[in-house]
PDB file of N, CA and C in Angstrom:
ATOM      1  N   MET A   1      24.092 -11.672  20.776  1.00  0.00           N
ATOM      2  CA  MET A   1      22.797 -11.820  20.182  1.00  0.00           C
ATOM      3  C   MET A   1      22.832 -11.559  18.715  1.00  0.00           C
ATOM      4  N   ARG A   2      22.063 -12.420  18.037  1.00  0.00           N
ATOM      5  CA  ARG A   2      21.982 -12.306  16.566  1.00  0.00           C
ATOM      6  C   ARG A   2      21.026 -11.242  16.115  1.00  0.00           C
ATOM      7  N   ASP A   3      21.414 -10.518  15.046  1.00  0.00           N
ATOM      8  CA  ASP A   3      20.459  -9.538  14.458  1.00  0.00           C
ATOM      9  C   ASP A   3      19.349 -10.263  13.765  1.00  0.00           C
ATOM     10  N   GLN A   4      18.126  -9.850  14.041  1.00  0.00           N
ATOM     11  CA  GLN A   4      16.967 -10.436  13.416  1.00  0.00           C
ATOM     12  C   GLN A   4      16.707  -9.665  12.117  1.00  0.00           C
ATOM     13  N   PRO A   5      16.418 -10.405  11.025  1.00  0.00           N
ATOM     14  CA  PRO A   5      16.132  -9.686   9.792  1.00  0.00           C
ATOM     15  C   PRO A   5      14.868  -8.893   9.843  1.00  0.00           C
ATOM     16  N   GLU A   6      14.864  -7.803   9.202  1.00  0.00           N
ATOM     17  CA  GLU A   6      13.658  -6.928   9.095  1.00  0.00           C
ATOM     18  C   GLU A   6      12.649  -7.600   8.174  1.00  0.00           C
ATOM     19  N   HIS A   7      11.447  -7.587   8.548  1.00  0.00           N
ATOM     20  CA  HIS A   7      10.352  -8.138   7.753  1.00  0.00           C
ATOM     21  C   HIS A   7       9.471  -6.981   7.377  1.00  0.00           C
ATOM     22  N   LYS A   8       9.984  -5.951   6.811  1.00  0.00           N
ATOM     23  CA  LYS A   8       9.248  -4.792   6.408  1.00  0.00           C
ATOM     24  C   LYS A   8       8.985  -4.935   4.873  1.00  0.00           C
ATOM     25  N   PRO A   9       7.964  -4.310   4.391  1.00  0.00           N
ATOM     26  CA  PRO A   9       7.545  -4.490   2.966  1.00  0.00           C
ATOM     27  C   PRO A   9       8.593  -3.858   1.995  1.00  0.00           C
ATOM     28  N   LEU A  10       8.930  -4.561   0.943  1.00  0.00           N
ATOM     29  CA  LEU A  10       9.753  -3.969  -0.109  1.00  0.00           C
ATOM     30  C   LEU A  10       8.740  -3.328  -1.105  1.00  0.00           C
ATOM     31  N   ARG A  11       8.839  -2.042  -1.147  1.00  0.00           N
ATOM     32  CA  ARG A  11       7.887  -1.277  -1.988  1.00  0.00           C
ATOM     33  C   ARG A  11       8.559  -1.018  -3.310  1.00  0.00           C
ATOM     34  N   PRO A  12       7.803  -1.065  -4.363  1.00  0.00           N
ATOM     35  CA  PRO A  12       6.389  -1.021  -4.553  1.00  0.00           C
ATOM     36  C   PRO A  12       5.766  -2.384  -4.707  1.00  0.00           C
ATOM     37  N   SER A  13       6.525  -3.475  -4.558  1.00  0.00           N
ATOM     38  CA  SER A  13       5.930  -4.780  -4.739  1.00  0.00           C
ATOM     39  C   SER A  13       5.178  -5.328  -3.628  1.00  0.00           C
ATOM     40  N   TRP A  14       5.418  -4.803  -2.399  1.00  0.00           N
ATOM     41  CA  TRP A  14       4.749  -5.280  -1.165  1.00  0.00           C
ATOM     42  C   TRP A  14       5.000  -6.732  -0.964  1.00  0.00           C
ATOM     43  N   ARG A  15       6.233  -7.130  -1.080  1.00  0.00           N
ATOM     44  CA  ARG A  15       6.758  -8.469  -0.693  1.00  0.00           C
ATOM     45  C   ARG A  15       7.744  -8.340   0.389  1.00  0.00           C
ATOM     46  N   CYS A  16       7.842  -9.346   1.169  1.00  0.00           N
ATOM     47  CA  CYS A  16       8.922  -9.322   2.294  1.00  0.00           C
ATOM     48  C   CYS A  16      10.285  -9.625   1.622  1.00  0.00           C
ATOM     49  N   PRO A  17      11.243  -8.724   1.803  1.00  0.00           N
ATOM     50  CA  PRO A  17      12.571  -8.991   1.213  1.00  0.00           C
ATOM     51  C   PRO A  17      13.304 -10.142   1.810  1.00  0.00           C
ATOM     52  N   ASN A  18      12.864 -10.646   3.005  1.00  0.00           N
ATOM     53  CA  ASN A  18      13.495 -11.781   3.610  1.00  0.00           C
ATOM     54  C   ASN A  18      12.838 -13.114   3.220  1.00  0.00           C
ATOM     55  N   CYS A  19      11.529 -13.103   3.272  1.00  0.00           N
ATOM     56  CA  CYS A  19      10.664 -14.348   2.984  1.00  0.00           C
ATOM     57  C   CYS A  19      10.411 -14.433   1.493  1.00  0.00           C
ATOM     58  N   GLY A  20      10.241 -13.342   0.855  1.00  0.00           N
ATOM     59  CA  GLY A  20       9.927 -13.394  -0.612  1.00  0.00           C
ATOM     60  C   GLY A  20       8.426 -13.547  -0.845  1.00  0.00           C
ATOM     61  N   ILE A  21       7.667 -13.614   0.229  1.00  0.00           N
ATOM     62  CA  ILE A  21       6.215 -13.815   0.105  1.00  0.00           C
ATOM     63  C   ILE A  21       5.534 -12.481   0.216  1.00  0.00           C
ATOM     64  N   LEU A  22       4.218 -12.438  -0.076  1.00  0.00           N
ATOM     65  CA  LEU A  22       3.451 -11.179   0.097  1.00  0.00           C
ATOM     66  C   LEU A  22       3.474 -10.684   1.497  1.00  0.00           C
ATOM     67  N   TRP A  23       3.673  -9.491   1.638  1.00  0.00           N
ATOM     68  CA  TRP A  23       3.746  -8.830   2.939  1.00  0.00           C
ATOM     69  C   TRP A  23       2.295  -8.335   3.357  1.00  0.00           C
ATOM     70  N   PRO A  24       1.861  -8.594   4.586  1.00  0.00           N
ATOM     71  CA  PRO A  24       2.693  -8.944   5.758  1.00  0.00           C
ATOM     72  C   PRO A  24       2.866 -10.467   5.784  1.00  0.00           C
ATOM     73  N   CYS A  25       4.143 -10.820   5.960  1.00  0.00           N
ATOM     74  CA  CYS A  25       4.486 -12.281   6.181  1.00  0.00           C
ATOM     75  C   CYS A  25       4.166 -12.642   7.652  1.00  0.00           C
ATOM     76  N   SER A  26       4.323 -13.879   7.935  1.00  0.00           N
ATOM     77  CA  SER A  26       4.107 -14.330   9.296  1.00  0.00           C
ATOM     78  C   SER A  26       4.936 -13.582  10.335  1.00  0.00           C
ATOM     79  N   ALA A  27       6.191 -13.361  10.065  1.00  0.00           N
ATOM     80  CA  ALA A  27       7.098 -12.683  10.987  1.00  0.00           C
ATOM     81  C   ALA A  27       6.611 -11.244  11.162  1.00  0.00           C
ATOM     82  N   ALA A  28       6.147 -10.600  10.109  1.00  0.00           N
ATOM     83  CA  ALA A  28       5.691  -9.251  10.258  1.00  0.00           C
ATOM     84  C   ALA A  28       4.358  -9.182  11.083  1.00  0.00           C
ATOM     85  N   LYS A  29       3.490 -10.115  10.848  1.00  0.00           N
ATOM     86  CA  LYS A  29       2.269 -10.158  11.598  1.00  0.00           C
ATOM     87  C   LYS A  29       2.579 -10.354  13.074  1.00  0.00           C
ATOM     88  N   LEU A  30       3.467 -11.247  13.450  1.00  0.00           N
ATOM     89  CA  LEU A  30       3.836 -11.459  14.776  1.00  0.00           C
ATOM     90  C   LEU A  30       4.409 -10.140  15.467  1.00  0.00           C
ATOM     91  N   ARG A  31       5.235  -9.487  14.669  1.00  0.00           N
ATOM     92  CA  ARG A  31       5.848  -8.263  15.184  1.00  0.00           C
ATOM     93  C   ARG A  31       4.748  -7.198  15.392  1.00  0.00           C
ATOM     94  N   LEU A  32       3.848  -6.986  14.450  1.00  0.00           N
ATOM     95  CA  LEU A  32       2.762  -6.080  14.560  1.00  0.00           C
ATOM     96  C   LEU A  32       1.849  -6.438  15.701  1.00  0.00           C
ATOM     97  N   LEU A  33       1.503  -7.727  15.905  1.00  0.00           N
ATOM     98  CA  LEU A  33       0.696  -8.127  17.105  1.00  0.00           C
ATOM     99  C   LEU A  33       1.366  -7.728  18.395  1.00  0.00           C
ATOM    100  N   GLY A  34       2.691  -7.857  18.463  1.00  0.00           N
ATOM    101  CA  GLY A  34       3.424  -7.519  19.606  1.00  0.00           C
ATOM    102  C   GLY A  34       3.370  -5.976  19.860  1.00  0.00           C
ATOM    103  N   GLN A  35       3.591  -5.222  18.781  1.00  0.00           N
ATOM    104  CA  GLN A  35       3.514  -3.776  18.864  1.00  0.00           C
ATOM    105  C   GLN A  35       2.232  -3.236  19.298  1.00  0.00           C
ATOM    106  N   PHE A  36       1.115  -3.858  18.838  1.00  0.00           N
ATOM    107  CA  PHE A  36      -0.188  -3.387  19.126  1.00  0.00           C
ATOM    108  C   PHE A  36      -0.914  -4.336  20.136  1.00  0.00           C
ATOM    109  N   ARG A  37      -0.116  -4.940  20.980  1.00  0.00           N
ATOM    110  CA  ARG A  37      -0.713  -5.967  21.902  1.00  0.00           C
ATOM    111  C   ARG A  37      -1.959  -5.480  22.660  1.00  0.00           C
ATOM    112  N   ASP A  38      -1.949  -4.309  23.102  1.00  0.00           N
ATOM    113  CA  ASP A  38      -3.102  -3.803  23.892  1.00  0.00           C
ATOM    114  C   ASP A  38      -3.930  -2.808  23.185  1.00  0.00           C
ATOM    115  N   ASP A  39      -3.753  -2.809  21.862  1.00  0.00           N
ATOM    116  CA  ASP A  39      -4.443  -1.821  21.029  1.00  0.00           C
ATOM    117  C   ASP A  39      -4.917  -2.462  19.700  1.00  0.00           C
ATOM    118  N   ARG A  40      -5.837  -3.388  19.745  1.00  0.00           N
ATOM    119  CA  ARG A  40      -6.323  -3.977  18.459  1.00  0.00           C
ATOM    120  C   ARG A  40      -6.956  -2.997  17.559  1.00  0.00           C
ATOM    121  N   PRO A  41      -7.779  -2.040  18.008  1.00  0.00           N
ATOM    122  CA  PRO A  41      -8.353  -1.019  17.106  1.00  0.00           C
ATOM    123  C   PRO A  41      -7.168  -0.252  16.419  1.00  0.00           C
ATOM    124  N   GLY A  42      -6.115   0.106  17.196  1.00  0.00           N
ATOM    125  CA  GLY A  42      -4.939   0.831  16.596  1.00  0.00           C
ATOM    126  C   GLY A  42      -4.342  -0.037  15.511  1.00  0.00           C
ATOM    127  N   LEU A  43      -4.187  -1.350  15.700  1.00  0.00           N
ATOM    128  CA  LEU A  43      -3.638  -2.176  14.692  1.00  0.00           C
ATOM    129  C   LEU A  43      -4.523  -2.178  13.462  1.00  0.00           C
ATOM    130  N   LEU A  44      -5.802  -2.200  13.580  1.00  0.00           N
ATOM    131  CA  LEU A  44      -6.694  -2.242  12.443  1.00  0.00           C
ATOM    132  C   LEU A  44      -6.574  -0.943  11.687  1.00  0.00           C
ATOM    133  N   VAL A  45      -6.494   0.200  12.378  1.00  0.00           N
ATOM    134  CA  VAL A  45      -6.364   1.481  11.720  1.00  0.00           C
ATOM    135  C   VAL A  45      -5.055   1.583  10.950  1.00  0.00           C
ATOM    136  N   HIS A  46      -4.006   1.138  11.645  1.00  0.00           N
ATOM    137  CA  HIS A  46      -2.652   1.115  11.064  1.00  0.00           C
ATOM    138  C   HIS A  46      -2.619   0.294   9.737  1.00  0.00           C
ATOM    139  N   MET A  47      -3.158  -0.923   9.858  1.00  0.00           N
ATOM    140  CA  MET A  47      -3.166  -1.830   8.666  1.00  0.00           C
ATOM    141  C   MET A  47      -4.093  -1.296   7.511  1.00  0.00           C
ATOM    142  N   ALA A  48      -5.074  -0.621   7.829  1.00  0.00           N
ATOM    143  CA  ALA A  48      -6.001  -0.014   6.781  1.00  0.00           C
ATOM    144  C   ALA A  48      -5.225   1.126   6.125  1.00  0.00           C
ATOM    145  N   LYS A  49      -4.481   1.940   6.831  1.00  0.00           N
ATOM    146  CA  LYS A  49      -3.641   2.948   6.164  1.00  0.00           C
ATOM    147  C   LYS A  49      -2.550   2.276   5.350  1.00  0.00           C
ATOM    148  N   VAL A  50      -1.941   1.193   5.786  1.00  0.00           N
ATOM    149  CA  VAL A  50      -0.924   0.499   5.073  1.00  0.00           C
ATOM    150  C   VAL A  50      -1.509  -0.029   3.749  1.00  0.00           C
ATOM    151  N   GLN A  51      -2.777  -0.556   3.918  1.00  0.00           N
ATOM    152  CA  GLN A  51      -3.468  -1.120   2.693  1.00  0.00           C
ATOM    153  C   GLN A  51      -3.642  -0.088   1.653  1.00  0.00           C
ATOM    154  N   GLU A  52      -3.962   1.163   2.037  1.00  0.00           N
ATOM    155  CA  GLU A  52      -4.141   2.282   1.164  1.00  0.00           C
ATOM    156  C   GLU A  52      -2.827   2.525   0.378  1.00  0.00           C
ATOM    157  N   GLU A  53      -1.746   2.542   1.152  1.00  0.00           N
ATOM    158  CA  GLU A  53      -0.398   2.736   0.534  1.00  0.00           C
ATOM    159  C   GLU A  53      -0.048   1.642  -0.455  1.00  0.00           C
ATOM    160  N   ALA A  54      -0.376   0.418  -0.143  1.00  0.00           N
ATOM    161  CA  ALA A  54      -0.048  -0.707  -0.914  1.00  0.00           C
ATOM    162  C   ALA A  54      -0.931  -0.645  -2.167  1.00  0.00           C
ATOM    163  N   THR A  55      -2.143  -0.319  -2.042  1.00  0.00           N
ATOM    164  CA  THR A  55      -3.047  -0.274  -3.219  1.00  0.00           C
ATOM    165  C   THR A  55      -2.536   0.821  -4.205  1.00  0.00           C
ATOM    166  N   ALA A  56      -2.108   1.978  -3.688  1.00  0.00           N
ATOM    167  CA  ALA A  56      -1.539   3.014  -4.624  1.00  0.00           C
ATOM    168  C   ALA A  56      -0.255   2.573  -5.305  1.00  0.00           C
ATOM    169  N   ASP A  57       0.558   1.925  -4.519  1.00  0.00           N
ATOM    170  CA  ASP A  57       1.817   1.403  -5.102  1.00  0.00           C
ATOM    171  C   ASP A  57       1.574   0.356  -6.203  1.00  0.00           C
ATOM    172  N   LEU A  58       0.740  -0.601  -5.920  1.00  0.00           N
ATOM    173  CA  LEU A  58       0.468  -1.653  -6.823  1.00  0.00           C
ATOM    174  C   LEU A  58      -0.232  -1.241  -8.061  1.00  0.00           C
ATOM    175  N   LYS A  59      -1.138  -0.211  -7.920  1.00  0.00           N
ATOM    176  CA  LYS A  59      -1.773   0.414  -9.121  1.00  0.00           C
ATOM    177  C   LYS A  59      -0.723   1.119  -9.947  1.00  0.00           C
ATOM    178  N   ASP A  60       0.201   1.839  -9.289  1.00  0.00           N
ATOM    179  CA  ASP A  60       1.222   2.502 -10.040  1.00  0.00           C
ATOM    180  C   ASP A  60       2.206   1.542 -10.820  1.00  0.00           C
ATOM    181  N   LEU A  61       2.447   0.354 -10.184  1.00  0.00           N
ATOM    182  CA  LEU A  61       3.238  -0.676 -10.842  1.00  0.00           C
ATOM    183  C   LEU A  61       2.616  -1.111 -12.133  1.00  0.00           C
ATOM    184  N   ASN A  62       1.360  -1.434 -12.112  1.00  0.00           N
ATOM    185  CA  ASN A  62       0.593  -1.878 -13.325  1.00  0.00           C
ATOM    186  C   ASN A  62      -0.768  -1.311 -13.357  1.00  0.00           C
ATOM    187  N   PRO A  63      -0.853  -0.059 -13.887  1.00  0.00           N
ATOM    188  CA  PRO A  63      -2.188   0.597 -13.956  1.00  0.00           C
ATOM    189  C   PRO A  63      -3.285  -0.137 -14.589  1.00  0.00           C
ATOM    190  N   ASP A  64      -2.955  -0.986 -15.536  1.00  0.00           N
ATOM    191  CA  ASP A  64      -3.993  -1.759 -16.198  1.00  0.00           C
ATOM    192  C   ASP A  64      -4.436  -3.021 -15.525  1.00  0.00           C
ATOM    193  N   ALA A  65      -3.754  -3.405 -14.507  1.00  0.00           N
ATOM    194  CA  ALA A  65      -4.104  -4.662 -13.762  1.00  0.00           C
ATOM    195  C   ALA A  65      -5.242  -4.451 -12.908  1.00  0.00           C
ATOM    196  N   ARG A  66      -6.100  -5.418 -12.781  1.00  0.00           N
ATOM    197  CA  ARG A  66      -7.253  -5.306 -11.773  1.00  0.00           C
ATOM    198  C   ARG A  66      -6.736  -6.026 -10.456  1.00  0.00           C
ATOM    199  N   LEU A  67      -6.717  -5.207  -9.410  1.00  0.00           N
ATOM    200  CA  LEU A  67      -6.182  -5.651  -8.177  1.00  0.00           C
ATOM    201  C   LEU A  67      -7.259  -6.486  -7.409  1.00  0.00           C
ATOM    202  N   PRO A  68      -6.836  -7.530  -6.796  1.00  0.00           N
ATOM    203  CA  PRO A  68      -7.806  -8.323  -5.937  1.00  0.00           C
ATOM    204  C   PRO A  68      -8.107  -7.463  -4.683  1.00  0.00           C
ATOM    205  N   ASP A  69      -9.170  -7.893  -3.966  1.00  0.00           N
ATOM    206  CA  ASP A  69      -9.458  -7.203  -2.733  1.00  0.00           C
ATOM    207  C   ASP A  69      -8.285  -7.453  -1.726  1.00  0.00           C
ATOM    208  N   LEU A  70      -7.644  -6.389  -1.305  1.00  0.00           N
ATOM    209  CA  LEU A  70      -6.456  -6.503  -0.450  1.00  0.00           C
ATOM    210  C   LEU A  70      -6.870  -6.522   1.095  1.00  0.00           C
ATOM    211  N   THR A  71      -8.119  -6.377   1.349  1.00  0.00           N
ATOM    212  CA  THR A  71      -8.568  -6.375   2.762  1.00  0.00           C
ATOM    213  C   THR A  71      -8.237  -7.593   3.556  1.00  0.00           C
ATOM    214  N   PRO A  72      -8.444  -8.856   2.996  1.00  0.00           N
ATOM    215  CA  PRO A  72      -8.086  -9.963   3.785  1.00  0.00           C
ATOM    216  C   PRO A  72      -6.576 -10.012   4.082  1.00  0.00           C
ATOM    217  N   ARG A  73      -5.774  -9.599   3.181  1.00  0.00           N
ATOM    218  CA  ARG A  73      -4.287  -9.582   3.327  1.00  0.00           C
ATOM    219  C   ARG A  73      -3.831  -8.660   4.331  1.00  0.00           C
ATOM    220  N   PHE A  74      -4.397  -7.401   4.377  1.00  0.00           N
ATOM    221  CA  PHE A  74      -3.868  -6.395   5.235  1.00  0.00           C
ATOM    222  C   PHE A  74      -4.645  -6.223   6.538  1.00  0.00           C
ATOM    223  N   VAL A  75      -5.986  -6.365   6.453  1.00  0.00           N
ATOM    224  CA  VAL A  75      -6.783  -6.109   7.647  1.00  0.00           C
ATOM    225  C   VAL A  75      -7.381  -7.287   8.203  1.00  0.00           C
ATOM    226  N   GLY A  76      -7.808  -8.289   7.379  1.00  0.00           N
ATOM    227  CA  GLY A  76      -8.596  -9.378   7.783  1.00  0.00           C
ATOM    228  C   GLY A  76      -7.888 -10.282   8.898  1.00  0.00           C
ATOM    229  N   TRP A  77      -6.621 -10.492   8.683  1.00  0.00           N
ATOM    230  CA  TRP A  77      -5.923 -11.332   9.665  1.00  0.00           C
ATOM    231  C   TRP A  77      -5.837 -10.633  11.030  1.00  0.00           C
ATOM    232  N   ALA A  78      -5.852  -9.292  11.005  1.00  0.00           N
ATOM    233  CA  ALA A  78      -5.701  -8.522  12.295  1.00  0.00           C
ATOM    234  C   ALA A  78      -7.061  -8.442  13.053  1.00  0.00           C
ATOM    235  N   GLU A  79      -8.161  -8.711  12.412  1.00  0.00           N
ATOM    236  CA  GLU A  79      -9.443  -8.679  13.029  1.00  0.00           C
ATOM    237  C   GLU A  79      -9.659  -9.879  13.964  1.00  0.00           C
ATOM    238  N   ARG A  80      -9.111 -11.077  13.549  1.00  0.00           N
ATOM    239  CA  ARG A  80      -9.308 -12.207  14.335  1.00  0.00           C
ATOM    240  C   ARG A  80      -8.434 -12.266  15.622  1.00  0.00           C
ATOM    241  N   ARG A  81      -8.924 -12.804  16.634  1.00  0.00           N
ATOM    242  CA  ARG A  81      -8.257 -12.964  17.974  1.00  0.00           C
ATOM    243  C   ARG A  81      -7.834 -14.346  18.139  1.00  0.00           C
TER     244      ARG A  81
END
């Protein structure tokens, strides 16, 4: 069996080290949906906490930058069924 690459965020940039796109990438979303299959509220709470971490990291990276609303990226996708 082949090892599957990890699709965890590369901090502090919050990009997927495998895909190179903003995290959570599609593979990460699928993994998270599987992990929280029977607990959508738990997924939303988890992603809200992750969003807080990402906001802090991204602000530290560039304190003068104005961050976009990260809610659609981190929580919005998880609200939909």
